[in-house]
């Protein structure tokens, strides 16, 4: 079974069917072998059905609808999306399937939650101003705010991981579960936003009342009050320093270093180091602050004998 290419084109798929039919009528055995399992008639509808089945769809109409739905999302065509949802409300909930870049399928809300991040890979506009409007349209049409119960993560966790603060805010306003957990970190949407350096989403989730449950997340949020004590384990402080650097929480960097956190230490569990994370992620203010605290400008990739590990 084949997967649809990222930029599937209906005209090209129609040409595939026409070419298949032409070859079959000319007696091409391979073409005949593709059509015969689905029909005993050599007509265009049979060739289209054969092509649809090869891509994993029950019929040509379903293939056509799936290609059109993704094209509407990728173009940000809100009027067309609303028209499609009015005709087929199930499109707000049915998983997007048989795509080469989403082989496990994609929840429609989840797809929109990662679309702004994916825009460069897909060759789309970097702005994509319609994503929020399309998200609301799906919710209005009946898309469950927490996604498919069988999915590995909720749309909010996807938005948190991919850094779409607008979609995250819309989902939160629609009642998304702030306490749901996902596989990437084993934690909530706030954990995912913190780990992946999505500060704008962190701020949205904290404003919505997301629960902070460890010093590393508190550092990403920018307030370690009550978390940083003389008894806080060294590795927890090192991890918090990495988070503070990634989210440019400069006051937290100062507090952690003042509490004796070694500025060049590597987190034993994640293998992350504050200066390296800040440099790689373009956190210029954090780089400057870490250097002021004596950090090495060329930090190690992993803990070595000269590193404090607890």
Protein backbone atom coordinates (compact mmCIF):
# COMPACT_ATOMS: atom_id res chain seq x y z
CA UNK A 1 0.00 0.00 0.00
CA UNK A 2 1.32 3.43 -0.95
CA UNK A 3 1.20 6.62 1.15
CA UNK A 4 0.02 9.93 -0.22
CA UNK A 5 2.80 12.48 -0.78
CA UNK A 6 2.83 15.58 1.39
CA UNK A 7 1.59 17.80 -1.43
CA UNK A 8 -0.84 15.35 -3.03
CA UNK A 9 -2.56 16.80 -6.08
CA UNK A 10 -5.96 15.63 -7.31
CA UNK A 11 -5.13 16.36 -10.93
CA UNK A 12 -2.06 14.14 -10.69
CA UNK A 13 -4.12 11.39 -9.07
CA UNK A 14 -6.68 11.68 -11.88
CA UNK A 15 -3.87 11.36 -14.41
CA UNK A 16 -2.65 8.26 -12.58
CA UNK A 17 -6.08 6.69 -12.99
CA UNK A 18 -6.33 7.67 -16.65
CA UNK A 19 -2.85 6.32 -17.38
CA UNK A 20 -3.74 3.09 -15.59
CA UNK A 21 -6.93 2.69 -17.64
CA UNK A 22 -5.13 3.44 -20.89
CA UNK A 23 -2.48 0.84 -20.14
CA UNK A 24 -5.07 -1.75 -19.16
CA UNK A 25 -7.03 -1.22 -22.36
CA UNK A 26 -3.79 -1.68 -24.29
CA UNK A 27 -3.41 -5.09 -22.69
CA UNK A 28 -0.71 -4.25 -20.15
CA UNK A 29 -0.82 -7.19 -17.73
CA UNK A 30 0.43 -5.23 -14.74
CA UNK A 31 -2.26 -2.60 -15.27
CA UNK A 32 -4.91 -5.29 -15.66
CA UNK A 33 -3.70 -6.95 -12.47
CA UNK A 34 -4.23 -3.69 -10.59
CA UNK A 35 -7.80 -3.16 -11.82
CA UNK A 36 -9.12 -6.73 -11.84
CA UNK A 37 -9.26 -7.10 -8.01
CA UNK A 38 -11.70 -4.17 -7.75
CA UNK A 39 -13.73 -4.39 -10.98
CA UNK A 40 -14.30 -6.46 -14.10
CA UNK A 41 -14.96 -3.34 -16.18
CA UNK A 42 -12.31 -1.28 -17.91
CA UNK A 43 -13.77 2.16 -17.24
CA UNK A 44 -12.38 5.26 -15.54
CA UNK A 45 -14.34 4.63 -12.36
CA UNK A 46 -12.64 1.23 -12.04
CA UNK A 47 -9.18 2.71 -12.50
CA UNK A 48 -9.94 5.45 -9.95
CA UNK A 49 -11.14 2.83 -7.47
CA UNK A 50 -7.95 0.83 -8.01
CA UNK A 51 -5.82 3.91 -7.36
CA UNK A 52 -7.84 4.79 -4.23
CA UNK A 53 -7.47 1.26 -2.85
CA UNK A 54 -3.73 1.33 -3.47
CA UNK A 55 -3.54 4.40 -1.24
CA UNK A 56 -5.61 2.69 1.44
CA UNK A 57 -9.02 4.29 0.82
CA UNK A 58 -12.33 2.52 0.35
CA UNK A 59 -13.14 4.50 -2.75
CA UNK A 60 -12.25 7.43 -4.98
CA UNK A 61 -14.64 9.82 -3.22
CA UNK A 62 -12.95 9.20 0.14
CA UNK A 63 -9.50 9.70 -1.37
CA UNK A 64 -10.63 12.92 -3.03
CA UNK A 65 -12.11 14.26 0.19
CA UNK A 66 -8.96 13.49 2.18
CA UNK A 67 -6.71 15.24 -0.33
CA UNK A 68 -9.04 18.24 -0.42
CA UNK A 69 -9.25 18.44 3.37
CA UNK A 70 -5.50 18.60 3.80
CA UNK A 71 -5.17 21.13 0.98
CA UNK A 72 -7.76 23.32 2.69
CA UNK A 73 -5.84 23.14 5.96
CA UNK A 74 -2.51 23.88 4.30
CA UNK A 75 -3.89 26.85 2.35
CA UNK A 76 -5.83 28.23 5.32
CA UNK A 77 -8.98 28.27 3.18
CA UNK A 78 -11.53 29.00 5.90
CA UNK A 79 -14.61 29.45 3.66
CA UNK A 80 -13.94 26.12 1.93
CA UNK A 81 -13.32 24.40 5.26
CA UNK A 82 -16.62 25.65 6.65
CA UNK A 83 -18.41 24.48 3.52
CA UNK A 84 -16.83 21.03 3.77
CA UNK A 85 -17.73 20.74 7.45
CA UNK A 86 -21.31 21.80 6.74
CA UNK A 87 -21.57 19.03 4.14
CA UNK A 88 -19.60 16.43 6.11
CA UNK A 89 -19.36 17.25 9.85
CA UNK A 90 -17.44 14.00 10.40
CA UNK A 91 -14.42 15.61 8.76
CA UNK A 92 -13.90 17.51 12.03
CA UNK A 93 -13.28 14.24 13.85
CA UNK A 94 -12.11 11.64 11.32
CA UNK A 95 -8.37 11.05 11.50
CA UNK A 96 -6.23 12.12 8.58
CA UNK A 97 -4.83 8.88 7.19
CA UNK A 98 -2.46 7.39 4.62
CA UNK A 99 -0.07 10.34 4.44
CA UNK A 100 3.64 9.70 4.08
CA UNK A 101 4.50 12.12 6.88
CA UNK A 102 1.74 10.98 9.26
CA UNK A 103 1.76 7.22 8.88
CA UNK A 104 0.04 6.69 12.22
CA UNK A 105 -2.67 9.15 11.28
CA UNK A 106 -3.33 12.64 12.60
CA UNK A 107 -6.18 14.09 14.59
CA UNK A 108 -7.50 17.14 12.64
CA UNK A 109 -7.05 19.43 15.65
CA UNK A 110 -3.62 17.95 16.29
CA UNK A 111 -2.66 18.53 12.66
CA UNK A 112 -3.54 22.21 12.95
CA UNK A 113 -1.68 22.42 16.26
CA UNK A 114 1.57 21.42 14.53
CA UNK A 115 0.94 23.12 11.18
CA UNK A 116 2.61 26.43 11.98
CA UNK A 117 5.75 24.55 13.07
CA UNK A 118 5.59 22.37 9.94
CA UNK A 119 5.04 25.25 7.55
CA UNK A 120 8.65 25.43 6.37
CA UNK A 121 8.82 21.70 5.67
CA UNK A 122 5.56 21.91 3.74
CA UNK A 123 6.58 25.01 1.80
CA UNK A 124 3.70 27.03 3.23
CA UNK A 125 3.38 30.62 4.35
CA UNK A 126 5.28 31.23 7.58
CA UNK A 127 2.40 33.32 8.93
CA UNK A 128 -0.62 31.04 8.44
CA UNK A 129 -2.99 33.51 10.15
CA UNK A 130 -6.03 31.27 9.57
CA UNK A 131 -4.92 28.43 11.88
CA UNK A 132 -6.78 29.83 14.86
CA UNK A 133 -9.95 30.38 12.84
CA UNK A 134 -9.75 26.86 11.42
CA UNK A 135 -9.26 25.46 14.92
CA UNK A 136 -12.42 27.20 16.08
CA UNK A 137 -14.27 25.92 13.01
CA UNK A 138 -13.35 22.33 13.85
CA UNK A 139 -14.44 22.77 17.47
CA UNK A 140 -17.73 24.32 16.36
CA UNK A 141 -18.29 21.37 14.02
CA UNK A 142 -17.91 18.93 16.88
CA UNK A 143 -14.20 18.11 17.10
CA UNK A 144 -13.56 16.92 20.67
CA UNK A 145 -11.32 19.43 22.39
CA UNK A 146 -9.25 16.63 23.92
CA UNK A 147 -9.00 14.69 20.68
CA UNK A 148 -9.49 10.99 20.08
CA UNK A 149 -9.38 9.08 23.39
CA UNK A 150 -7.21 6.46 21.68
CA UNK A 151 -4.66 9.00 20.43
CA UNK A 152 -1.26 9.15 22.10
CA UNK A 153 -1.67 12.80 23.08
CA UNK A 154 -4.28 15.54 23.20
CA UNK A 155 -4.32 18.46 20.73
CA UNK A 156 -3.27 20.75 23.59
CA UNK A 157 -0.14 18.68 24.22
CA UNK A 158 0.60 18.80 20.49
CA UNK A 159 0.21 22.58 20.47
CA UNK A 160 2.47 22.80 23.53
CA UNK A 161 5.14 20.59 21.97
CA UNK A 162 5.12 22.44 18.65
CA UNK A 163 4.85 25.90 20.17
CA UNK A 164 1.53 27.19 18.85
CA UNK A 165 0.38 29.54 21.60
CA UNK A 166 -2.68 30.69 19.65
CA UNK A 167 -4.04 27.18 19.20
CA UNK A 168 -3.17 26.37 22.82
CA UNK A 169 -5.15 29.40 24.02
CA UNK A 170 -8.16 28.46 21.89
CA UNK A 171 -8.11 24.88 23.17
CA UNK A 172 -7.79 26.03 26.77
CA UNK A 173 -10.71 28.43 26.33
CA UNK A 174 -12.73 25.53 24.90
CA UNK A 175 -12.09 23.46 28.03
CA UNK A 176 -9.03 21.38 27.15
CA UNK A 177 -7.76 19.13 29.94
CA UNK A 178 -4.68 20.77 31.45
CA UNK A 179 -3.82 17.62 33.39
CA UNK A 180 -3.78 15.14 30.49
CA UNK A 181 -0.37 13.58 29.92
CA UNK A 182 1.52 12.62 26.77
CA UNK A 183 4.31 10.27 25.73
CA UNK A 184 7.12 12.64 24.83
CA UNK A 185 7.80 13.68 28.43
CA UNK A 186 5.28 11.61 30.35
CA UNK A 187 3.90 14.88 31.64
CA UNK A 188 1.21 17.45 30.97
CA UNK A 189 1.02 20.08 28.24
CA UNK A 190 2.95 22.42 30.56
CA UNK A 191 5.73 19.84 30.88
CA UNK A 192 5.93 19.50 27.10
CA UNK A 193 6.04 23.26 26.53
CA UNK A 194 8.73 23.58 29.20
CA UNK A 195 10.94 20.76 27.88
CA UNK A 196 10.69 21.88 24.26
CA UNK A 197 11.40 25.52 25.04
CA UNK A 198 7.99 26.89 24.01
CA UNK A 199 7.87 29.88 26.35
CA UNK A 200 4.79 31.53 24.84
CA UNK A 201 2.81 28.35 25.42
CA UNK A 202 4.20 28.03 28.95
CA UNK A 203 2.83 31.50 29.69
CA UNK A 204 -0.59 30.64 28.23
CA UNK A 205 -0.86 27.46 30.28
CA UNK A 206 0.27 29.05 33.53
CA UNK A 207 -2.24 31.86 33.07
CA UNK A 208 -4.91 29.18 32.61
CA UNK A 209 -3.98 27.55 35.91
CA UNK A 210 -1.75 24.69 34.79
CA UNK A 211 -0.14 22.93 37.74
CA UNK A 212 3.59 23.32 38.37
CA UNK A 213 4.85 20.18 40.06
CA UNK A 214 8.66 20.35 40.07
CA UNK A 215 11.48 22.86 40.17
CA UNK A 216 12.44 22.36 36.52
CA UNK A 217 8.97 23.37 35.32
CA UNK A 218 8.95 26.18 37.90
CA UNK A 219 12.19 27.46 36.37
CA UNK A 220 10.63 27.40 32.90
CA UNK A 221 7.69 29.36 34.30
CA UNK A 222 10.08 31.87 35.87
CA UNK A 223 9.30 31.46 39.57
CA UNK A 224 11.09 28.94 41.78
CA UNK A 225 9.70 30.35 45.01
CA UNK A 226 9.14 27.48 47.40
CA UNK A 227 11.00 25.05 45.15
CA UNK A 228 14.57 26.22 45.62
CA UNK A 229 15.64 25.34 49.15
CA UNK A 230 18.91 24.23 50.78
CA UNK A 231 17.61 20.65 50.48
CA UNK A 232 16.89 20.79 46.73
CA UNK A 233 18.94 17.98 45.11
CA UNK A 234 21.82 19.13 42.96
CA UNK A 235 20.57 17.34 39.83
CA UNK A 236 17.18 19.01 40.21
CA UNK A 237 18.89 22.40 40.38
CA UNK A 238 21.02 21.61 37.31
CA UNK A 239 17.91 20.61 35.36
CA UNK A 240 16.19 23.79 36.52
CA UNK A 241 19.16 25.86 35.33
CA UNK A 242 18.83 24.33 31.87
CA UNK A 243 15.14 25.21 31.83
CA UNK A 244 15.75 28.74 33.04
CA UNK A 245 18.36 29.24 30.31
CA UNK A 246 16.11 27.83 27.59
CA UNK A 247 13.22 30.11 28.59
CA UNK A 248 15.42 33.14 29.34
CA UNK A 249 14.28 33.40 32.93
CA UNK A 250 17.28 35.47 33.96
CA UNK A 251 16.29 36.03 37.58
CA UNK A 252 15.96 32.28 38.04
CA UNK A 253 19.42 31.76 36.54
CA UNK A 254 20.77 34.21 39.13
CA UNK A 255 18.96 32.46 41.99
CA UNK A 256 20.14 29.00 41.00
CA UNK A 257 23.75 30.04 40.60
CA UNK A 258 23.63 31.93 43.90
CA UNK A 259 22.34 28.73 45.51
CA UNK A 260 25.51 26.93 44.41
CA UNK A 261 24.33 25.32 41.17
CA UNK A 262 27.44 24.74 39.01
CA UNK A 263 26.90 26.79 35.89
CA UNK A 264 28.63 24.32 33.52
CA UNK A 265 27.15 21.10 34.91
CA UNK A 266 25.35 18.61 32.67
CA UNK A 267 22.05 17.08 33.67
CA UNK A 268 22.70 13.39 34.21
CA UNK A 269 19.25 12.29 33.08
CA UNK A 270 18.63 14.44 30.02
CA UNK A 271 22.23 15.08 29.00
CA UNK A 272 21.45 18.80 28.61
CA UNK A 273 23.64 21.71 29.65
CA UNK A 274 22.51 25.28 30.18
CA UNK A 275 24.99 27.13 27.94
CA UNK A 276 24.69 24.61 25.11
CA UNK A 277 20.89 24.71 25.17
CA UNK A 278 20.87 28.51 25.28
CA UNK A 279 23.34 28.73 22.40
CA UNK A 280 21.65 26.16 20.18
CA UNK A 281 18.20 27.68 20.73
CA UNK A 282 19.27 31.28 20.23
CA UNK A 283 18.60 32.44 23.80
CA UNK A 284 20.98 35.42 23.58
CA UNK A 285 20.04 36.97 26.93
CA UNK A 286 20.62 33.66 28.69
CA UNK A 287 24.00 33.22 27.01
CA UNK A 288 25.09 36.63 28.25
CA UNK A 289 23.87 35.99 31.78
CA UNK A 290 25.53 32.57 31.97
CA UNK A 291 28.81 34.07 30.75
CA UNK A 292 28.52 36.71 33.45
CA UNK A 293 28.32 33.87 35.93
CA UNK A 294 31.52 32.34 34.57
CA UNK A 295 30.10 29.74 32.21
CA UNK A 296 32.41 28.24 29.60
CA UNK A 297 31.60 29.54 26.11
CA UNK A 298 32.33 26.06 24.70
CA UNK A 299 30.44 23.72 27.06
CA UNK A 300 30.85 19.94 26.91
CA UNK A 301 28.32 17.69 25.22
CA UNK A 302 28.07 15.31 28.17
CA UNK A 303 29.16 14.99 31.74
CA UNK A 304 32.89 14.42 32.07
CA UNK A 305 35.31 13.99 34.93
CA UNK A 306 35.55 17.74 35.41
CA UNK A 307 31.78 18.11 35.77
CA UNK A 308 29.91 18.18 39.06
CA UNK A 309 27.30 15.43 38.93
CA UNK A 310 26.04 15.29 42.51
